[in-house]
């Protein structure tokens, strides 16, 4: 990795608050972000990617392990619903948001989930076809390429390494603390590690949470659909400045070819 030591030590600054207030703030910024629609993203030299559902096809691995753990926990089969709702929001909060678990129960389910999930390998978290070439093309175009994820830092680094793309990333930041870390914090940390400014950056993500977090930081967000984690409407209503259905379309949005 280009900044291996810095990335290995990456930490998110403690930023309190996981409630709806930061999303209300994002909605207040929605109009300003909407003005970015149609603006050429090619001029943005810092590309900050989400990980799950954006660079890596992790839905199958996440949902299968979550299903196994929730059933063992005692949740009935007909209570699971659409497990893809767990892809995107941070754990353990996702279990509270999706299934109404208490903070204590969500933390315990997350603990059991992580034990099982970390036994997996690259088959559970492959990058999408075309992503390695996209990263190479972005570098050739003079871009800095980074990851800001709500997944734990060590696991993001491991998964990027398993896929052989760690050296193609200029910075990787995941969360270090389930309670304090926010997506906004990881984005800000990435931009700081790259010694860049928010005006130079664009976020790429697959869920409304990515768009909202980017808006709170003051950067536009390009939404992606190829991971099938969210419908187009979700990203449009959140304020994505552009939406890519394929990796090739994402390339054209970011570098024009």
C-alpha atoms as a PDB file:
ATOM      1  CA  UNK A   1       0.000   0.000   0.000  1.00  0.00           C
ATOM      2  CA  UNK A   2       1.356   3.385  -0.963  1.00  0.00           C
ATOM      3  CA  UNK A   3       1.093   4.736   2.562  1.00  0.00           C
ATOM      4  CA  UNK A   4       1.254   1.413   4.318  1.00  0.00           C
ATOM      5  CA  UNK A   5       2.436   2.675   7.677  1.00  0.00           C
ATOM      6  CA  UNK A   6      -0.030   5.557   7.785  1.00  0.00           C
ATOM      7  CA  UNK A   7      -2.884   3.312   6.720  1.00  0.00           C
ATOM      8  CA  UNK A   8      -1.990   0.654   9.241  1.00  0.00           C
ATOM      9  CA  UNK A   9      -2.186   3.238  11.981  1.00  0.00           C
ATOM     10  CA  UNK A  10      -5.288   4.974  10.629  1.00  0.00           C
ATOM     11  CA  UNK A  11      -7.724   5.965  13.318  1.00  0.00           C
ATOM     12  CA  UNK A  12     -11.083   7.663  13.161  1.00  0.00           C
ATOM     13  CA  UNK A  13     -11.508  10.624  15.449  1.00  0.00           C
ATOM     14  CA  UNK A  14     -14.149  10.006  18.101  1.00  0.00           C
ATOM     15  CA  UNK A  15     -17.298  11.647  16.815  1.00  0.00           C
ATOM     16  CA  UNK A  16     -20.328  11.148  18.992  1.00  0.00           C
ATOM     17  CA  UNK A  17     -23.840  10.618  17.809  1.00  0.00           C
ATOM     18  CA  UNK A  18     -25.398   7.858  15.739  1.00  0.00           C
ATOM     19  CA  UNK A  19     -28.953   9.167  15.883  1.00  0.00           C
ATOM     20  CA  UNK A  20     -31.085  10.783  13.261  1.00  0.00           C
ATOM     21  CA  UNK A  21     -29.755  14.300  13.973  1.00  0.00           C
ATOM     22  CA  UNK A  22     -26.792  13.913  11.638  1.00  0.00           C
ATOM     23  CA  UNK A  23     -29.114  12.674   8.920  1.00  0.00           C
ATOM     24  CA  UNK A  24     -31.384  15.678   9.467  1.00  0.00           C
ATOM     25  CA  UNK A  25     -28.295  17.818   9.027  1.00  0.00           C
ATOM     26  CA  UNK A  26     -27.566  15.953   5.802  1.00  0.00           C
ATOM     27  CA  UNK A  27     -31.028  16.800   4.579  1.00  0.00           C
ATOM     28  CA  UNK A  28     -30.339  20.469   5.273  1.00  0.00           C
ATOM     29  CA  UNK A  29     -27.273  20.140   3.078  1.00  0.00           C
ATOM     30  CA  UNK A  30     -29.289  18.315   0.436  1.00  0.00           C
ATOM     31  CA  UNK A  31     -30.041  21.428  -1.587  1.00  0.00           C
ATOM     32  CA  UNK A  32     -26.391  22.391  -1.746  1.00  0.00           C
ATOM     33  CA  UNK A  33     -25.425  18.897  -2.814  1.00  0.00           C
ATOM     34  CA  UNK A  34     -28.174  18.872  -5.423  1.00  0.00           C
ATOM     35  CA  UNK A  35     -26.473  21.838  -7.043  1.00  0.00           C
ATOM     36  CA  UNK A  36     -23.556  19.500  -7.775  1.00  0.00           C
ATOM     37  CA  UNK A  37     -25.774  17.375 -10.049  1.00  0.00           C
ATOM     38  CA  UNK A  38     -24.407  17.522 -13.528  1.00  0.00           C
ATOM     39  CA  UNK A  39     -21.076  18.921 -12.318  1.00  0.00           C
ATOM     40  CA  UNK A  40     -18.141  17.112 -13.871  1.00  0.00           C
ATOM     41  CA  UNK A  41     -16.604  14.764 -11.299  1.00  0.00           C
ATOM     42  CA  UNK A  42     -13.526  14.360 -13.489  1.00  0.00           C
ATOM     43  CA  UNK A  43     -11.931  17.392 -11.821  1.00  0.00           C
ATOM     44  CA  UNK A  44     -12.027  15.714  -8.394  1.00  0.00           C
ATOM     45  CA  UNK A  45      -8.590  14.226  -7.768  1.00  0.00           C
ATOM     46  CA  UNK A  46      -9.427  12.321  -4.565  1.00  0.00           C
ATOM     47  CA  UNK A  47     -11.770   9.344  -4.950  1.00  0.00           C
ATOM     48  CA  UNK A  48     -13.056   7.966  -1.640  1.00  0.00           C
ATOM     49  CA  UNK A  49     -14.740   4.584  -1.981  1.00  0.00           C
ATOM     50  CA  UNK A  50     -17.021   2.783   0.400  1.00  0.00           C
ATOM     51  CA  UNK A  51     -16.070  -0.897   0.702  1.00  0.00           C
ATOM     52  CA  UNK A  52     -19.106  -3.181   1.103  1.00  0.00           C
ATOM     53  CA  UNK A  53     -21.264  -3.142  -2.010  1.00  0.00           C
ATOM     54  CA  UNK A  54     -19.032  -0.592  -3.746  1.00  0.00           C
ATOM     55  CA  UNK A  55     -15.600  -2.166  -4.205  1.00  0.00           C
ATOM     56  CA  UNK A  56     -16.338  -5.581  -2.711  1.00  0.00           C
ATOM     57  CA  UNK A  57     -19.246  -7.945  -3.343  1.00  0.00           C
ATOM     58  CA  UNK A  58     -19.809  -8.795   0.298  1.00  0.00           C
ATOM     59  CA  UNK A  59     -23.594  -9.126   0.399  1.00  0.00           C
ATOM     60  CA  UNK A  60     -23.651 -12.924   0.124  1.00  0.00           C
ATOM     61  CA  UNK A  61     -21.081 -13.421   2.861  1.00  0.00           C
ATOM     62  CA  UNK A  62     -22.634 -10.887   5.227  1.00  0.00           C
ATOM     63  CA  UNK A  63     -26.219 -12.074   4.822  1.00  0.00           C
ATOM     64  CA  UNK A  64     -25.462 -15.801   5.032  1.00  0.00           C
ATOM     65  CA  UNK A  65     -23.495 -15.412   8.261  1.00  0.00           C
ATOM     66  CA  UNK A  66     -26.076 -13.012   9.717  1.00  0.00           C
ATOM     67  CA  UNK A  67     -28.843 -15.489   8.903  1.00  0.00           C
ATOM     68  CA  UNK A  68     -26.958 -18.311  10.605  1.00  0.00           C
ATOM     69  CA  UNK A  69     -26.246 -16.251  13.719  1.00  0.00           C
ATOM     70  CA  UNK A  70     -29.734 -14.763  14.035  1.00  0.00           C
ATOM     71  CA  UNK A  71     -31.394 -18.173  13.721  1.00  0.00           C
ATOM     72  CA  UNK A  72     -29.045 -19.595  16.363  1.00  0.00           C
ATOM     73  CA  UNK A  73     -29.867 -16.560  18.508  1.00  0.00           C
ATOM     74  CA  UNK A  74     -33.508 -17.607  18.403  1.00  0.00           C
ATOM     75  CA  UNK A  75     -35.021 -15.377  15.744  1.00  0.00           C
ATOM     76  CA  UNK A  76     -37.687 -17.224  13.719  1.00  0.00           C
ATOM     77  CA  UNK A  77     -37.123 -17.764  10.014  1.00  0.00           C
ATOM     78  CA  UNK A  78     -40.100 -15.601   9.096  1.00  0.00           C
ATOM     79  CA  UNK A  79     -38.701 -12.778  11.205  1.00  0.00           C
ATOM     80  CA  UNK A  80     -35.498 -12.399   9.195  1.00  0.00           C
ATOM     81  CA  UNK A  81     -37.027 -10.525   6.275  1.00  0.00           C
ATOM     82  CA  UNK A  82     -34.653  -8.958   3.767  1.00  0.00           C
ATOM     83  CA  UNK A  83     -31.193  -9.545   5.180  1.00  0.00           C
ATOM     84  CA  UNK A  84     -29.644  -7.202   2.622  1.00  0.00           C
ATOM     85  CA  UNK A  85     -30.806  -4.379   4.875  1.00  0.00           C
ATOM     86  CA  UNK A  86     -27.783  -5.222   7.035  1.00  0.00           C
ATOM     87  CA  UNK A  87     -25.367  -4.352   4.232  1.00  0.00           C
ATOM     88  CA  UNK A  88     -24.302  -0.738   4.628  1.00  0.00           C
ATOM     89  CA  UNK A  89     -25.219   0.342   8.165  1.00  0.00           C
ATOM     90  CA  UNK A  90     -22.474  -0.118  10.776  1.00  0.00           C
ATOM     91  CA  UNK A  91     -22.556  -3.035  13.198  1.00  0.00           C
ATOM     92  CA  UNK A  92     -23.787  -3.457  15.887  1.00  0.00           C
ATOM     93  CA  UNK A  93     -26.206  -0.578  15.287  1.00  0.00           C
ATOM     94  CA  UNK A  94     -27.549  -2.285  12.162  1.00  0.00           C
ATOM     95  CA  UNK A  95     -29.110  -5.058  14.244  1.00  0.00           C
ATOM     96  CA  UNK A  96     -30.947  -2.494  16.349  1.00  0.00           C
ATOM     97  CA  UNK A  97     -32.091  -0.502  13.327  1.00  0.00           C
ATOM     98  CA  UNK A  98     -33.248  -3.485  11.254  1.00  0.00           C
ATOM     99  CA  UNK A  99     -34.483  -5.884  13.938  1.00  0.00           C
ATOM    100  CA  UNK A 100     -35.121  -3.672  16.947  1.00  0.00           C
ATOM    101  CA  UNK A 101     -32.594  -5.425  19.168  1.00  0.00           C
ATOM    102  CA  UNK A 102     -31.483  -3.714  22.343  1.00  0.00           C
ATOM    103  CA  UNK A 103     -27.980  -2.274  22.377  1.00  0.00           C
ATOM    104  CA  UNK A 104     -26.851  -5.167  24.572  1.00  0.00           C
ATOM    105  CA  UNK A 105     -28.372  -7.841  22.346  1.00  0.00           C
ATOM    106  CA  UNK A 106     -27.113  -6.164  19.185  1.00  0.00           C
ATOM    107  CA  UNK A 107     -23.588  -6.116  20.621  1.00  0.00           C
ATOM    108  CA  UNK A 108     -23.777  -9.826  21.486  1.00  0.00           C
ATOM    109  CA  UNK A 109     -25.168 -10.813  18.077  1.00  0.00           C
ATOM    110  CA  UNK A 110     -22.404  -8.754  16.463  1.00  0.00           C
ATOM    111  CA  UNK A 111     -19.786 -10.513  18.589  1.00  0.00           C
ATOM    112  CA  UNK A 112     -21.061 -13.919  17.465  1.00  0.00           C
ATOM    113  CA  UNK A 113     -21.342 -12.723  13.872  1.00  0.00           C
ATOM    114  CA  UNK A 114     -17.755 -11.507  13.801  1.00  0.00           C
ATOM    115  CA  UNK A 115     -16.403 -14.778  15.170  1.00  0.00           C
ATOM    116  CA  UNK A 116     -18.101 -16.663  12.347  1.00  0.00           C
ATOM    117  CA  UNK A 117     -17.539 -14.072   9.612  1.00  0.00           C
ATOM    118  CA  UNK A 118     -13.813 -13.785  10.218  1.00  0.00           C
ATOM    119  CA  UNK A 119     -13.432 -17.503   9.557  1.00  0.00           C
ATOM    120  CA  UNK A 120     -14.227 -16.749   5.916  1.00  0.00           C
ATOM    121  CA  UNK A 121     -11.943 -15.757   3.099  1.00  0.00           C
ATOM    122  CA  UNK A 122     -11.868 -14.015  -0.237  1.00  0.00           C
ATOM    123  CA  UNK A 123     -14.784 -16.120  -1.473  1.00  0.00           C
ATOM    124  CA  UNK A 124     -16.959 -14.192   0.990  1.00  0.00           C
ATOM    125  CA  UNK A 125     -15.597 -10.773   0.006  1.00  0.00           C
ATOM    126  CA  UNK A 126     -14.405 -10.694  -3.637  1.00  0.00           C
ATOM    127  CA  UNK A 127     -14.062  -7.339  -5.357  1.00  0.00           C
ATOM    128  CA  UNK A 128     -16.475  -6.745  -8.201  1.00  0.00           C
ATOM    129  CA  UNK A 129     -15.255  -7.620 -11.699  1.00  0.00           C
ATOM    130  CA  UNK A 130     -13.470  -4.648 -13.222  1.00  0.00           C
ATOM    131  CA  UNK A 131     -12.525  -2.998  -9.927  1.00  0.00           C
ATOM    132  CA  UNK A 132      -8.748  -3.741 -10.087  1.00  0.00           C
ATOM    133  CA  UNK A 133      -8.590  -2.246 -13.575  1.00  0.00           C
ATOM    134  CA  UNK A 134     -10.670   0.750 -12.465  1.00  0.00           C
ATOM    135  CA  UNK A 135      -8.236   1.481  -9.629  1.00  0.00           C
ATOM    136  CA  UNK A 136      -5.322   1.232 -12.032  1.00  0.00           C
ATOM    137  CA  UNK A 137      -7.044   3.563 -14.496  1.00  0.00           C
ATOM    138  CA  UNK A 138      -7.760   6.084 -11.751  1.00  0.00           C
ATOM    139  CA  UNK A 139      -4.092   6.183 -10.795  1.00  0.00           C
ATOM    140  CA  UNK A 140      -3.067   6.597 -14.412  1.00  0.00           C
ATOM    141  CA  UNK A 141      -5.439   9.554 -14.536  1.00  0.00           C
ATOM    142  CA  UNK A 142      -3.616  11.143 -11.588  1.00  0.00           C
ATOM    143  CA  UNK A 143      -6.201  10.346  -8.914  1.00  0.00           C
ATOM    144  CA  UNK A 144      -5.651   9.469  -5.288  1.00  0.00           C
ATOM    145  CA  UNK A 145      -7.749   6.431  -4.371  1.00  0.00           C
ATOM    146  CA  UNK A 146      -8.895   5.566  -0.873  1.00  0.00           C
ATOM    147  CA  UNK A 147     -11.411   3.576   1.155  1.00  0.00           C
ATOM    148  CA  UNK A 148     -13.578   4.924   3.979  1.00  0.00           C
ATOM    149  CA  UNK A 149     -15.633   2.141   5.512  1.00  0.00           C
ATOM    150  CA  UNK A 150     -17.925   1.492   8.455  1.00  0.00           C
ATOM    151  CA  UNK A 151     -16.366  -1.960   8.663  1.00  0.00           C
ATOM    152  CA  UNK A 152     -13.637  -2.441  11.240  1.00  0.00           C
ATOM    153  CA  UNK A 153     -10.277  -1.163  10.050  1.00  0.00           C
ATOM    154  CA  UNK A 154      -8.290  -4.375  10.339  1.00  0.00           C
ATOM    155  CA  UNK A 155     -10.926  -6.327   8.460  1.00  0.00           C
ATOM    156  CA  UNK A 156     -11.074  -3.835   5.585  1.00  0.00           C
ATOM    157  CA  UNK A 157      -7.293  -3.979   5.262  1.00  0.00           C
ATOM    158  CA  UNK A 158      -7.402  -7.781   5.363  1.00  0.00           C
ATOM    159  CA  UNK A 159     -10.116  -7.990   2.718  1.00  0.00           C
ATOM    160  CA  UNK A 160      -8.343  -5.550   0.413  1.00  0.00           C
ATOM    161  CA  UNK A 161      -5.169  -7.582   0.826  1.00  0.00           C
ATOM    162  CA  UNK A 162      -6.970 -10.849   0.137  1.00  0.00           C
ATOM    163  CA  UNK A 163      -8.134  -9.353  -3.149  1.00  0.00           C
ATOM    164  CA  UNK A 164      -4.670  -8.130  -4.091  1.00  0.00           C
ATOM    165  CA  UNK A 165      -5.660  -4.462  -4.297  1.00  0.00           C
ATOM    166  CA  UNK A 166      -4.112  -3.091  -1.106  1.00  0.00           C
ATOM    167  CA  UNK A 167      -1.161  -1.638  -2.997  1.00  0.00           C
ATOM    168  CA  UNK A 168      -3.591   0.162  -5.316  1.00  0.00           C
ATOM    169  CA  UNK A 169      -5.063   2.154  -2.415  1.00  0.00           C
ATOM    170  CA  UNK A 170      -3.446   5.348  -1.157  1.00  0.00           C
ATOM    171  CA  UNK A 171      -5.292   5.176   2.171  1.00  0.00           C
ATOM    172  CA  UNK A 172      -7.635   2.801   3.944  1.00  0.00           C
ATOM    173  CA  UNK A 173      -9.671   3.798   6.976  1.00  0.00           C
ATOM    174  CA  UNK A 174     -12.207   1.684   8.812  1.00  0.00           C
ATOM    175  CA  UNK A 175     -13.724   2.163  12.209  1.00  0.00           C
ATOM    176  CA  UNK A 176     -11.713   1.467  15.329  1.00  0.00           C
ATOM    177  CA  UNK A 177     -14.555   1.705  17.846  1.00  0.00           C
ATOM    178  CA  UNK A 178     -18.167   0.549  17.580  1.00  0.00           C
ATOM    179  CA  UNK A 179     -19.412   3.400  19.740  1.00  0.00           C
ATOM    180  CA  UNK A 180     -17.413   6.419  18.661  1.00  0.00           C
ATOM    181  CA  UNK A 181     -16.714   5.966  14.957  1.00  0.00           C
ATOM    182  CA  UNK A 182     -18.942   7.477  12.264  1.00  0.00           C
ATOM    183  CA  UNK A 183     -18.804   7.324   8.476  1.00  0.00           C
ATOM    184  CA  UNK A 184     -18.201  11.060   8.449  1.00  0.00           C
ATOM    185  CA  UNK A 185     -15.196  10.521  10.679  1.00  0.00           C
ATOM    186  CA  UNK A 186     -13.682   7.921   8.362  1.00  0.00           C
ATOM    187  CA  UNK A 187     -14.127  10.193   5.336  1.00  0.00           C
ATOM    188  CA  UNK A 188     -12.499  13.126   7.120  1.00  0.00           C
ATOM    189  CA  UNK A 189      -9.646  10.891   8.287  1.00  0.00           C
ATOM    190  CA  UNK A 190      -9.008   9.635   4.747  1.00  0.00           C
ATOM    191  CA  UNK A 191      -8.879  13.152   3.326  1.00  0.00           C
ATOM    192  CA  UNK A 192      -6.482  14.154   6.092  1.00  0.00           C
ATOM    193  CA  UNK A 193      -4.185  11.176   5.474  1.00  0.00           C
ATOM    194  CA  UNK A 194      -3.990  12.174   1.821  1.00  0.00           C
ATOM    195  CA  UNK A 195      -3.211  15.782   2.797  1.00  0.00           C
ATOM    196  CA  UNK A 196      -6.087  16.891   0.580  1.00  0.00           C
ATOM    197  CA  UNK A 197      -9.075  19.211   0.944  1.00  0.00           C
ATOM    198  CA  UNK A 198     -12.770  18.383   0.827  1.00  0.00           C
ATOM    199  CA  UNK A 199     -13.102  20.490  -2.323  1.00  0.00           C
ATOM    200  CA  UNK A 200     -10.885  17.960  -4.109  1.00  0.00           C
ATOM    201  CA  UNK A 201     -12.814  14.852  -3.075  1.00  0.00           C
ATOM    202  CA  UNK A 202     -15.772  12.807  -4.220  1.00  0.00           C
ATOM    203  CA  UNK A 203     -17.331   9.854  -2.401  1.00  0.00           C
ATOM    204  CA  UNK A 204     -18.478   6.675  -4.146  1.00  0.00           C
ATOM    205  CA  UNK A 205     -20.990   4.522  -2.285  1.00  0.00           C
ATOM    206  CA  UNK A 206     -23.937   2.178  -2.593  1.00  0.00           C
ATOM    207  CA  UNK A 207     -26.329   3.318   0.156  1.00  0.00           C
ATOM    208  CA  UNK A 208     -28.061   6.497   1.276  1.00  0.00           C
ATOM    209  CA  UNK A 209     -25.846   6.424   4.384  1.00  0.00           C
ATOM    210  CA  UNK A 210     -22.829   7.059   2.158  1.00  0.00           C
ATOM    211  CA  UNK A 211     -24.532   9.983   0.427  1.00  0.00           C
ATOM    212  CA  UNK A 212     -25.651  11.521   3.710  1.00  0.00           C
ATOM    213  CA  UNK A 213     -22.218  11.136   5.314  1.00  0.00           C
ATOM    214  CA  UNK A 214     -20.548  12.708   2.295  1.00  0.00           C
ATOM    215  CA  UNK A 215     -22.982  15.622   2.430  1.00  0.00           C
ATOM    216  CA  UNK A 216     -22.217  16.159   6.096  1.00  0.00           C
ATOM    217  CA  UNK A 217     -18.523  16.372   5.241  1.00  0.00           C
ATOM    218  CA  UNK A 218     -19.254  18.694   2.317  1.00  0.00           C
ATOM    219  CA  UNK A 219     -18.412  16.473  -0.653  1.00  0.00           C
ATOM    220  CA  UNK A 220     -20.586  15.050  -3.451  1.00  0.00           C
ATOM    221  CA  UNK A 221     -21.313  11.349  -3.683  1.00  0.00           C
ATOM    222  CA  UNK A 222     -21.652   9.129  -6.740  1.00  0.00           C
ATOM    223  CA  UNK A 223     -23.985   6.203  -6.137  1.00  0.00           C
ATOM    224  CA  UNK A 224     -23.494   2.713  -7.564  1.00  0.00           C
ATOM    225  CA  UNK A 225     -26.111   0.091  -8.387  1.00  0.00           C
ATOM    226  CA  UNK A 226     -24.021  -2.869  -9.534  1.00  0.00           C
ATOM    227  CA  UNK A 227     -23.846  -4.272  -5.982  1.00  0.00           C
ATOM    228  CA  UNK A 228     -27.654  -4.458  -5.845  1.00  0.00           C
ATOM    229  CA  UNK A 229     -27.713  -3.250  -2.239  1.00  0.00           C
ATOM    230  CA  UNK A 230     -30.074  -0.319  -2.825  1.00  0.00           C
ATOM    231  CA  UNK A 231     -32.546   0.810  -5.478  1.00  0.00           C
ATOM    232  CA  UNK A 232     -31.865   3.836  -7.647  1.00  0.00           C
ATOM    233  CA  UNK A 233     -34.615   5.757  -5.855  1.00  0.00           C
ATOM    234  CA  UNK A 234     -32.808   5.479  -2.509  1.00  0.00           C
ATOM    235  CA  UNK A 235     -29.657   7.039  -3.916  1.00  0.00           C
ATOM    236  CA  UNK A 236     -31.501   9.705  -5.895  1.00  0.00           C
ATOM    237  CA  UNK A 237     -33.578  10.800  -2.914  1.00  0.00           C
ATOM    238  CA  UNK A 238     -30.464  10.900  -0.696  1.00  0.00           C
ATOM    239  CA  UNK A 239     -28.860  13.341  -3.135  1.00  0.00           C
ATOM    240  CA  UNK A 240     -26.327  11.338  -5.160  1.00  0.00           C
ATOM    241  CA  UNK A 241     -24.869  13.615  -7.860  1.00  0.00           C
ATOM    242  CA  UNK A 242     -24.630  10.745 -10.344  1.00  0.00           C
ATOM    243  CA  UNK A 243     -25.497   7.052 -10.371  1.00  0.00           C
ATOM    244  CA  UNK A 244     -23.512   4.288 -12.077  1.00  0.00           C
ATOM    245  CA  UNK A 245     -25.149   1.011 -13.014  1.00  0.00           C
ATOM    246  CA  UNK A 246     -21.847  -0.642 -13.963  1.00  0.00           C
ATOM    247  CA  UNK A 247     -18.173  -0.331 -13.107  1.00  0.00           C
ATOM    248  CA  UNK A 248     -17.591   0.904 -16.655  1.00  0.00           C
ATOM    249  CA  UNK A 249     -20.131   3.667 -16.185  1.00  0.00           C
ATOM    250  CA  UNK A 250     -18.463   4.628 -12.913  1.00  0.00           C
ATOM    251  CA  UNK A 251     -15.157   4.935 -14.765  1.00  0.00           C
ATOM    252  CA  UNK A 252     -16.729   7.324 -17.273  1.00  0.00           C
ATOM    253  CA  UNK A 253     -18.169   9.452 -14.463  1.00  0.00           C
ATOM    254  CA  UNK A 254     -14.829   9.691 -12.649  1.00  0.00           C
ATOM    255  CA  UNK A 255     -12.325   9.995 -15.497  1.00  0.00           C
ATOM    256  CA  UNK A 256     -14.364  10.334 -18.674  1.00  0.00           C
ATOM    257  CA  UNK A 257     -13.239   7.157 -20.475  1.00  0.00           C
END
